[in-house]
PDB file of all heavy atoms in Angstrom:
ATOM      1  N   HIS A   1      15.265   2.898  -3.432  1.00  0.00           N
ATOM      2  CA  HIS A   1      14.556   1.622  -3.611  1.00  0.00           C
ATOM      3  C   HIS A   1      13.222   1.622  -2.857  1.00  0.00           C
ATOM      4  O   HIS A   1      12.325   0.843  -3.156  1.00  0.00           O
ATOM      5  CB  HIS A   1      15.443   0.485  -3.095  1.00  0.00           C
ATOM      6  CG  HIS A   1      15.068  -0.864  -3.613  1.00  0.00           C
ATOM      7  ND1 HIS A   1      13.878  -1.121  -4.249  1.00  0.00           N
ATOM      8  CD2 HIS A   1      15.729  -2.057  -3.565  1.00  0.00           C
ATOM      9  CE1 HIS A   1      13.811  -2.400  -4.575  1.00  0.00           C
ATOM     10  NE2 HIS A   1      14.923  -2.992  -4.177  1.00  0.00           N
ATOM     11  N   THR A   2      13.077   2.490  -1.869  1.00  0.00           N
ATOM     12  CA  THR A   2      11.824   2.575  -1.125  1.00  0.00           C
ATOM     13  C   THR A   2      10.735   3.280  -1.922  1.00  0.00           C
ATOM     14  O   THR A   2       9.569   3.267  -1.526  1.00  0.00           O
ATOM     15  CB  THR A   2      12.036   3.336   0.197  1.00  0.00           C
ATOM     16  OG1 THR A   2      12.627   4.605  -0.081  1.00  0.00           O
ATOM     17  CG2 THR A   2      12.955   2.562   1.115  1.00  0.00           C
ATOM     18  N   MET A   3      11.104   3.870  -3.064  1.00  0.00           N
ATOM     19  CA  MET A   3      10.141   4.620  -3.866  1.00  0.00           C
ATOM     20  C   MET A   3      10.071   4.141  -5.312  1.00  0.00           C
ATOM     21  O   MET A   3       9.257   4.597  -6.103  1.00  0.00           O
ATOM     22  CB  MET A   3      10.505   6.112  -3.851  1.00  0.00           C
ATOM     23  CG  MET A   3       9.466   7.043  -4.450  1.00  0.00           C
ATOM     24  SD  MET A   3       9.994   8.764  -4.445  1.00  0.00           S
ATOM     25  CE  MET A   3      11.295   8.745  -5.683  1.00  0.00           C
ATOM     26  N   MET A   4      10.918   3.212  -5.677  1.00  0.00           N
ATOM     27  CA  MET A   4      11.039   2.854  -7.084  1.00  0.00           C
ATOM     28  C   MET A   4      11.210   1.350  -7.251  1.00  0.00           C
ATOM     29  O   MET A   4      11.997   0.717  -6.552  1.00  0.00           O
ATOM     30  CB  MET A   4      12.269   3.562  -7.683  1.00  0.00           C
ATOM     31  CG  MET A   4      12.671   3.100  -9.064  1.00  0.00           C
ATOM     32  SD  MET A   4      11.722   3.875 -10.379  1.00  0.00           S
ATOM     33  CE  MET A   4      12.636   3.312 -11.815  1.00  0.00           C
ATOM     34  N   THR A   5      10.447   0.787  -8.178  1.00  0.00           N
ATOM     35  CA  THR A   5      10.717  -0.547  -8.691  1.00  0.00           C
ATOM     36  C   THR A   5      10.610  -0.448 -10.207  1.00  0.00           C
ATOM     37  O   THR A   5      10.250   0.600 -10.750  1.00  0.00           O
ATOM     38  CB  THR A   5       9.726  -1.594  -8.164  1.00  0.00           C
ATOM     39  OG1 THR A   5       8.408  -1.217  -8.547  1.00  0.00           O
ATOM     40  CG2 THR A   5       9.809  -1.726  -6.654  1.00  0.00           C
ATOM     41  N   GLY A   6      10.895  -1.540 -10.892  1.00  0.00           N
ATOM     42  CA  GLY A   6      10.885  -1.490 -12.351  1.00  0.00           C
ATOM     43  C   GLY A   6       9.556  -1.063 -12.939  1.00  0.00           C
ATOM     44  O   GLY A   6       9.511  -0.377 -13.957  1.00  0.00           O
ATOM     45  N   SER A   7       8.444  -1.446 -12.293  1.00  0.00           N
ATOM     46  CA  SER A   7       7.133  -1.110 -12.841  1.00  0.00           C
ATOM     47  C   SER A   7       6.881   0.392 -12.884  1.00  0.00           C
ATOM     48  O   SER A   7       6.053   0.867 -13.657  1.00  0.00           O
ATOM     49  CB  SER A   7       6.036  -1.794 -12.015  1.00  0.00           C
ATOM     50  OG  SER A   7       6.050  -1.325 -10.679  1.00  0.00           O
ATOM     51  N   ALA A   8       7.597   1.160 -12.049  1.00  0.00           N
ATOM     52  CA  ALA A   8       7.418   2.611 -12.024  1.00  0.00           C
ATOM     53  C   ALA A   8       8.309   3.332 -13.034  1.00  0.00           C
ATOM     54  O   ALA A   8       8.120   4.522 -13.291  1.00  0.00           O
ATOM     55  CB  ALA A   8       7.701   3.153 -10.620  1.00  0.00           C
ATOM     56  N   PHE A   9       9.277   2.617 -13.624  1.00  0.00           N
ATOM     57  CA  PHE A   9      10.235   3.261 -14.527  1.00  0.00           C
ATOM     58  C   PHE A   9       9.580   3.875 -15.763  1.00  0.00           C
ATOM     59  O   PHE A   9       9.885   5.024 -16.115  1.00  0.00           O
ATOM     60  CB  PHE A   9      11.318   2.258 -14.923  1.00  0.00           C
ATOM     61  CG  PHE A   9      12.321   2.779 -15.904  1.00  0.00           C
ATOM     62  CD1 PHE A   9      13.083   3.889 -15.617  1.00  0.00           C
ATOM     63  CD2 PHE A   9      12.494   2.150 -17.139  1.00  0.00           C
ATOM     64  CE1 PHE A   9      14.016   4.377 -16.524  1.00  0.00           C
ATOM     65  CE2 PHE A   9      13.422   2.627 -18.054  1.00  0.00           C
ATOM     66  CZ  PHE A   9      14.181   3.747 -17.748  1.00  0.00           C
ATOM     67  N   PRO A  10       8.670   3.179 -16.455  1.00  0.00           N
ATOM     68  CA  PRO A  10       8.024   3.815 -17.611  1.00  0.00           C
ATOM     69  C   PRO A  10       7.264   5.085 -17.239  1.00  0.00           C
ATOM     70  O   PRO A  10       7.314   6.085 -17.961  1.00  0.00           O
ATOM     71  CB  PRO A  10       7.076   2.727 -18.126  1.00  0.00           C
ATOM     72  CG  PRO A  10       7.695   1.442 -17.672  1.00  0.00           C
ATOM     73  CD  PRO A  10       8.272   1.758 -16.327  1.00  0.00           C
ATOM     74  N   SER A  11       6.567   5.053 -16.099  1.00  0.00           N
ATOM     75  CA  SER A  11       5.811   6.235 -15.670  1.00  0.00           C
ATOM     76  C   SER A  11       6.743   7.391 -15.341  1.00  0.00           C
ATOM     77  O   SER A  11       6.480   8.544 -15.697  1.00  0.00           O
ATOM     78  CB  SER A  11       4.953   5.875 -14.453  1.00  0.00           C
ATOM     79  OG  SER A  11       4.253   6.999 -13.980  1.00  0.00           O
ATOM     80  N   MET A  12       7.848   7.104 -14.663  1.00  0.00           N
ATOM     81  CA  MET A  12       8.810   8.151 -14.335  1.00  0.00           C
ATOM     82  C   MET A  12       9.429   8.744 -15.593  1.00  0.00           C
ATOM     83  O   MET A  12       9.629   9.954 -15.707  1.00  0.00           O
ATOM     84  CB  MET A  12       9.901   7.591 -13.425  1.00  0.00           C
ATOM     85  CG  MET A  12      10.918   8.622 -12.988  1.00  0.00           C
ATOM     86  SD  MET A  12      12.208   7.926 -11.937  1.00  0.00           S
ATOM     87  CE  MET A  12      13.159   9.409 -11.567  1.00  0.00           C
ATOM     88  N   THR A  13       9.734   7.878 -16.552  1.00  0.00           N
ATOM     89  CA  THR A  13      10.310   8.336 -17.817  1.00  0.00           C
ATOM     90  C   THR A  13       9.355   9.292 -18.532  1.00  0.00           C
ATOM     91  O   THR A  13       9.757  10.351 -19.026  1.00  0.00           O
ATOM     92  CB  THR A  13      10.641   7.139 -18.715  1.00  0.00           C
ATOM     93  OG1 THR A  13      11.647   6.337 -18.081  1.00  0.00           O
ATOM     94  CG2 THR A  13      11.148   7.591 -20.075  1.00  0.00           C
ATOM     95  N   LYS A  14       8.079   8.937 -18.595  1.00  0.00           N
ATOM     96  CA  LYS A  14       7.092   9.794 -19.253  1.00  0.00           C
ATOM     97  C   LYS A  14       6.916  11.114 -18.512  1.00  0.00           C
ATOM     98  O   LYS A  14       6.789  12.176 -19.129  1.00  0.00           O
ATOM     99  CB  LYS A  14       5.759   9.062 -19.367  1.00  0.00           C
ATOM    100  CG  LYS A  14       5.752   7.928 -20.382  1.00  0.00           C
ATOM    101  CD  LYS A  14       4.373   7.293 -20.483  1.00  0.00           C
ATOM    102  CE  LYS A  14       4.357   6.187 -21.529  1.00  0.00           C
ATOM    103  NZ  LYS A  14       3.015   5.551 -21.641  1.00  0.00           N
ATOM    104  N   ALA A  15       6.881  11.040 -17.184  1.00  0.00           N
ATOM    105  CA  ALA A  15       6.709  12.265 -16.396  1.00  0.00           C
ATOM    106  C   ALA A  15       7.870  13.233 -16.603  1.00  0.00           C
ATOM    107  O   ALA A  15       7.686  14.454 -16.646  1.00  0.00           O
ATOM    108  CB  ALA A  15       6.569  11.909 -14.915  1.00  0.00           C
ATOM    109  N   LEU A  16       9.061  12.690 -16.760  1.00  0.00           N
ATOM    110  CA  LEU A  16      10.244  13.535 -16.951  1.00  0.00           C
ATOM    111  C   LEU A  16      10.416  14.018 -18.389  1.00  0.00           C
ATOM    112  O   LEU A  16      10.783  15.177 -18.624  1.00  0.00           O
ATOM    113  CB  LEU A  16      11.500  12.763 -16.535  1.00  0.00           C
ATOM    114  CG  LEU A  16      11.858  12.722 -15.063  1.00  0.00           C
ATOM    115  CD1 LEU A  16      12.947  11.685 -14.812  1.00  0.00           C
ATOM    116  CD2 LEU A  16      12.308  14.098 -14.575  1.00  0.00           C
ATOM    117  N   PHE A  17      10.140  13.125 -19.344  1.00  0.00           N
ATOM    118  CA  PHE A  17      10.586  13.414 -20.703  1.00  0.00           C
ATOM    119  C   PHE A  17       9.526  13.285 -21.796  1.00  0.00           C
ATOM    120  O   PHE A  17       9.844  13.481 -22.961  1.00  0.00           O
ATOM    121  CB  PHE A  17      11.752  12.477 -21.056  1.00  0.00           C
ATOM    122  CG  PHE A  17      12.903  12.547 -20.093  1.00  0.00           C
ATOM    123  CD1 PHE A  17      13.267  11.439 -19.338  1.00  0.00           C
ATOM    124  CD2 PHE A  17      13.621  13.725 -19.931  1.00  0.00           C
ATOM    125  CE1 PHE A  17      14.324  11.488 -18.455  1.00  0.00           C
ATOM    126  CE2 PHE A  17      14.678  13.792 -19.042  1.00  0.00           C
ATOM    127  CZ  PHE A  17      15.037  12.669 -18.299  1.00  0.00           C
ATOM    128  N   ALA A  18       8.271  12.958 -21.440  1.00  0.00           N
ATOM    129  CA  ALA A  18       7.254  12.809 -22.490  1.00  0.00           C
ATOM    130  C   ALA A  18       6.138  13.819 -22.282  1.00  0.00           C
ATOM    131  O   ALA A  18       6.380  15.019 -22.295  1.00  0.00           O
ATOM    132  CB  ALA A  18       6.730  11.376 -22.524  1.00  0.00           C
ATOM    133  N   ASP A  19       4.920  13.345 -22.068  1.00  0.00           N
ATOM    134  CA  ASP A  19       3.782  14.250 -22.031  1.00  0.00           C
ATOM    135  C   ASP A  19       3.564  14.904 -20.685  1.00  0.00           C
ATOM    136  O   ASP A  19       2.637  15.686 -20.513  1.00  0.00           O
ATOM    137  CB  ASP A  19       2.505  13.492 -22.440  1.00  0.00           C
ATOM    138  CG  ASP A  19       2.335  12.191 -21.657  1.00  0.00           C
ATOM    139  OD1 ASP A  19       2.988  12.060 -20.599  1.00  0.00           O
ATOM    140  OD2 ASP A  19       1.564  11.335 -22.099  1.00  0.00           O
ATOM    141  N   GLY A  20       4.398  14.570 -19.712  1.00  0.00           N
ATOM    142  CA  GLY A  20       4.288  15.241 -18.429  1.00  0.00           C
ATOM    143  C   GLY A  20       3.156  14.751 -17.561  1.00  0.00           C
ATOM    144  O   GLY A  20       2.807  15.402 -16.577  1.00  0.00           O
ATOM    145  N   GLU A  21       2.580  13.578 -17.892  1.00  0.00           N
ATOM    146  CA  GLU A  21       1.530  13.048 -17.025  1.00  0.00           C
ATOM    147  C   GLU A  21       2.111  12.725 -15.666  1.00  0.00           C
ATOM    148  O   GLU A  21       3.300  12.427 -15.523  1.00  0.00           O
ATOM    149  CB  GLU A  21       0.895  11.807 -17.644  1.00  0.00           C
ATOM    150  CG  GLU A  21       1.831  10.626 -17.778  1.00  0.00           C
ATOM    151  CD  GLU A  21       1.173   9.428 -18.449  1.00  0.00           C
ATOM    152  OE1 GLU A  21       0.442   9.640 -19.445  1.00  0.00           O
ATOM    153  OE2 GLU A  21       1.395   8.308 -17.974  1.00  0.00           O
ATOM    154  N   GLU A  22       1.287  12.788 -14.641  1.00  0.00           N
ATOM    155  CA  GLU A  22       1.774  12.623 -13.276  1.00  0.00           C
ATOM    156  C   GLU A  22       2.362  11.226 -13.070  1.00  0.00           C
ATOM    157  O   GLU A  22       1.798  10.229 -13.500  1.00  0.00           O
ATOM    158  CB  GLU A  22       0.630  12.849 -12.284  1.00  0.00           C
ATOM    159  CG  GLU A  22       1.086  12.905 -10.839  1.00  0.00           C
ATOM    160  CD  GLU A  22      -0.011  13.351  -9.896  1.00  0.00           C
ATOM    161  OE1 GLU A  22      -1.048  13.854 -10.385  1.00  0.00           O
ATOM    162  OE2 GLU A  22       0.165  13.195  -8.672  1.00  0.00           O
ATOM    163  N   VAL A  23       3.499  11.177 -12.389  1.00  0.00           N
ATOM    164  CA  VAL A  23       4.162   9.904 -12.160  1.00  0.00           C
ATOM    165  C   VAL A  23       3.297   9.027 -11.257  1.00  0.00           C
ATOM    166  O   VAL A  23       2.658   9.511 -10.322  1.00  0.00           O
ATOM    167  CB  VAL A  23       5.565  10.115 -11.535  1.00  0.00           C
ATOM    168  CG1 VAL A  23       5.483  10.687 -10.132  1.00  0.00           C
ATOM    169  CG2 VAL A  23       6.361   8.816 -11.535  1.00  0.00           C
ATOM    170  N   LEU A  24       3.271   7.736 -11.550  1.00  0.00           N
ATOM    171  CA  LEU A  24       2.482   6.784 -10.776  1.00  0.00           C
ATOM    172  C   LEU A  24       3.405   5.689 -10.257  1.00  0.00           C
ATOM    173  O   LEU A  24       4.058   4.996 -11.035  1.00  0.00           O
ATOM    174  CB  LEU A  24       1.377   6.177 -11.643  1.00  0.00           C
ATOM    175  CG  LEU A  24       0.524   5.075 -10.994  1.00  0.00           C
ATOM    176  CD1 LEU A  24      -0.260   5.649  -9.815  1.00  0.00           C
ATOM    177  CD2 LEU A  24      -0.419   4.457 -12.014  1.00  0.00           C
ATOM    178  N   VAL A  25       3.458   5.559  -8.940  1.00  0.00           N
ATOM    179  CA  VAL A  25       4.247   4.504  -8.304  1.00  0.00           C
ATOM    180  C   VAL A  25       3.298   3.664  -7.463  1.00  0.00           C
ATOM    181  O   VAL A  25       2.807   4.115  -6.425  1.00  0.00           O
ATOM    182  CB  VAL A  25       5.369   5.084  -7.415  1.00  0.00           C
ATOM    183  CG1 VAL A  25       6.199   3.954  -6.806  1.00  0.00           C
ATOM    184  CG2 VAL A  25       6.258   6.032  -8.209  1.00  0.00           C
ATOM    185  N   ASP A  26       3.001   2.457  -7.914  1.00  0.00           N
ATOM    186  CA  ASP A  26       2.071   1.587  -7.189  1.00  0.00           C
ATOM    187  C   ASP A  26       2.570   1.318  -5.777  1.00  0.00           C
ATOM    188  O   ASP A  26       3.737   0.977  -5.571  1.00  0.00           O
ATOM    189  CB  ASP A  26       1.906   0.253  -7.920  1.00  0.00           C
ATOM    190  CG  ASP A  26       1.129   0.398  -9.215  1.00  0.00           C
ATOM    191  OD1 ASP A  26       0.369   1.379  -9.341  1.00  0.00           O
ATOM    192  OD2 ASP A  26       1.287  -0.464 -10.103  1.00  0.00           O
ATOM    193  N   GLY A  27       1.666   1.473  -4.811  1.00  0.00           N
ATOM    194  CA  GLY A  27       1.997   1.146  -3.429  1.00  0.00           C
ATOM    195  C   GLY A  27       2.672   2.241  -2.645  1.00  0.00           C
ATOM    196  O   GLY A  27       2.956   2.062  -1.447  1.00  0.00           O
ATOM    197  N   LEU A  28       2.948   3.391  -3.273  1.00  0.00           N
ATOM    198  CA  LEU A  28       3.628   4.478  -2.566  1.00  0.00           C
ATOM    199  C   LEU A  28       2.618   5.221  -1.693  1.00  0.00           C
ATOM    200  O   LEU A  28       1.648   5.788  -2.203  1.00  0.00           O
ATOM    201  CB  LEU A  28       4.269   5.431  -3.572  1.00  0.00           C
ATOM    202  CG  LEU A  28       5.152   6.538  -2.997  1.00  0.00           C
ATOM    203  CD1 LEU A  28       6.400   5.935  -2.339  1.00  0.00           C
ATOM    204  CD2 LEU A  28       5.571   7.519  -4.101  1.00  0.00           C
ATOM    205  N   PRO A  29       2.797   5.248  -0.373  1.00  0.00           N
ATOM    206  CA  PRO A  29       1.823   5.908   0.495  1.00  0.00           C
ATOM    207  C   PRO A  29       1.909   7.429   0.381  1.00  0.00           C
ATOM    208  O   PRO A  29       2.936   7.980  -0.026  1.00  0.00           O
ATOM    209  CB  PRO A  29       2.217   5.441   1.893  1.00  0.00           C
ATOM    210  CG  PRO A  29       3.689   5.198   1.791  1.00  0.00           C
ATOM    211  CD  PRO A  29       3.917   4.667   0.392  1.00  0.00           C
ATOM    212  N   GLU A  30       0.843   8.071   0.743  1.00  0.00           N
ATOM    213  CA  GLU A  30       0.840   9.534   0.761  1.00  0.00           C
ATOM    214  C   GLU A  30       1.828  10.029   1.807  1.00  0.00           C
ATOM    215  O   GLU A  30       1.890   9.517   2.924  1.00  0.00           O
ATOM    216  CB  GLU A  30      -0.560  10.039   1.083  1.00  0.00           C
ATOM    217  CG  GLU A  30      -0.675  11.557   1.122  1.00  0.00           C
ATOM    218  CD  GLU A  30      -2.074  12.029   1.482  1.00  0.00           C
ATOM    219  OE1 GLU A  30      -2.967  11.163   1.638  1.00  0.00           O
ATOM    220  OE2 GLU A  30      -2.266  13.242   1.629  1.00  0.00           O
ATOM    221  N   ALA A  31       2.608  11.030   1.444  1.00  0.00           N
ATOM    222  CA  ALA A  31       3.588  11.582   2.381  1.00  0.00           C
ATOM    223  C   ALA A  31       2.913  12.562   3.333  1.00  0.00           C
ATOM    224  O   ALA A  31       1.964  13.260   2.965  1.00  0.00           O
ATOM    225  CB  ALA A  31       4.712  12.275   1.620  1.00  0.00           C
ATOM    226  N   ARG A  32       3.400  12.626   4.548  1.00  0.00           N
ATOM    227  CA  ARG A  32       2.907  13.606   5.506  1.00  0.00           C
ATOM    228  C   ARG A  32       3.393  14.988   5.106  1.00  0.00           C
ATOM    229  O   ARG A  32       4.466  15.137   4.511  1.00  0.00           O
ATOM    230  CB  ARG A  32       3.405  13.283   6.914  1.00  0.00           C
ATOM    231  CG  ARG A  32       2.952  11.926   7.451  1.00  0.00           C
ATOM    232  CD  ARG A  32       3.534  11.671   8.840  1.00  0.00           C
ATOM    233  NE  ARG A  32       3.042  12.660   9.795  1.00  0.00           N
ATOM    234  CZ  ARG A  32       1.905  12.527  10.480  1.00  0.00           C
ATOM    235  NH1 ARG A  32       1.149  11.450  10.301  1.00  0.00           N
ATOM    236  NH2 ARG A  32       1.541  13.452  11.340  1.00  0.00           N
ATOM    237  N   SER A  33       2.626  15.990   5.441  1.00  0.00           N
ATOM    238  CA  SER A  33       3.018  17.358   5.093  1.00  0.00           C
ATOM    239  C   SER A  33       4.174  17.848   5.958  1.00  0.00           C
ATOM    240  O   SER A  33       4.935  18.730   5.557  1.00  0.00           O
ATOM    241  CB  SER A  33       1.827  18.309   5.230  1.00  0.00           C
ATOM    242  OG  SER A  33       1.319  18.294   6.559  1.00  0.00           O
TER     243      SER A  33
END
């Protein structure tokens, strides 16, 4: 739930199963290396 809300579901679906465009999750901060 810290990485996903409903608005990110269409993007995740496309990234996994459609044209492979990069997943977009609004508000997700950059992860540290």
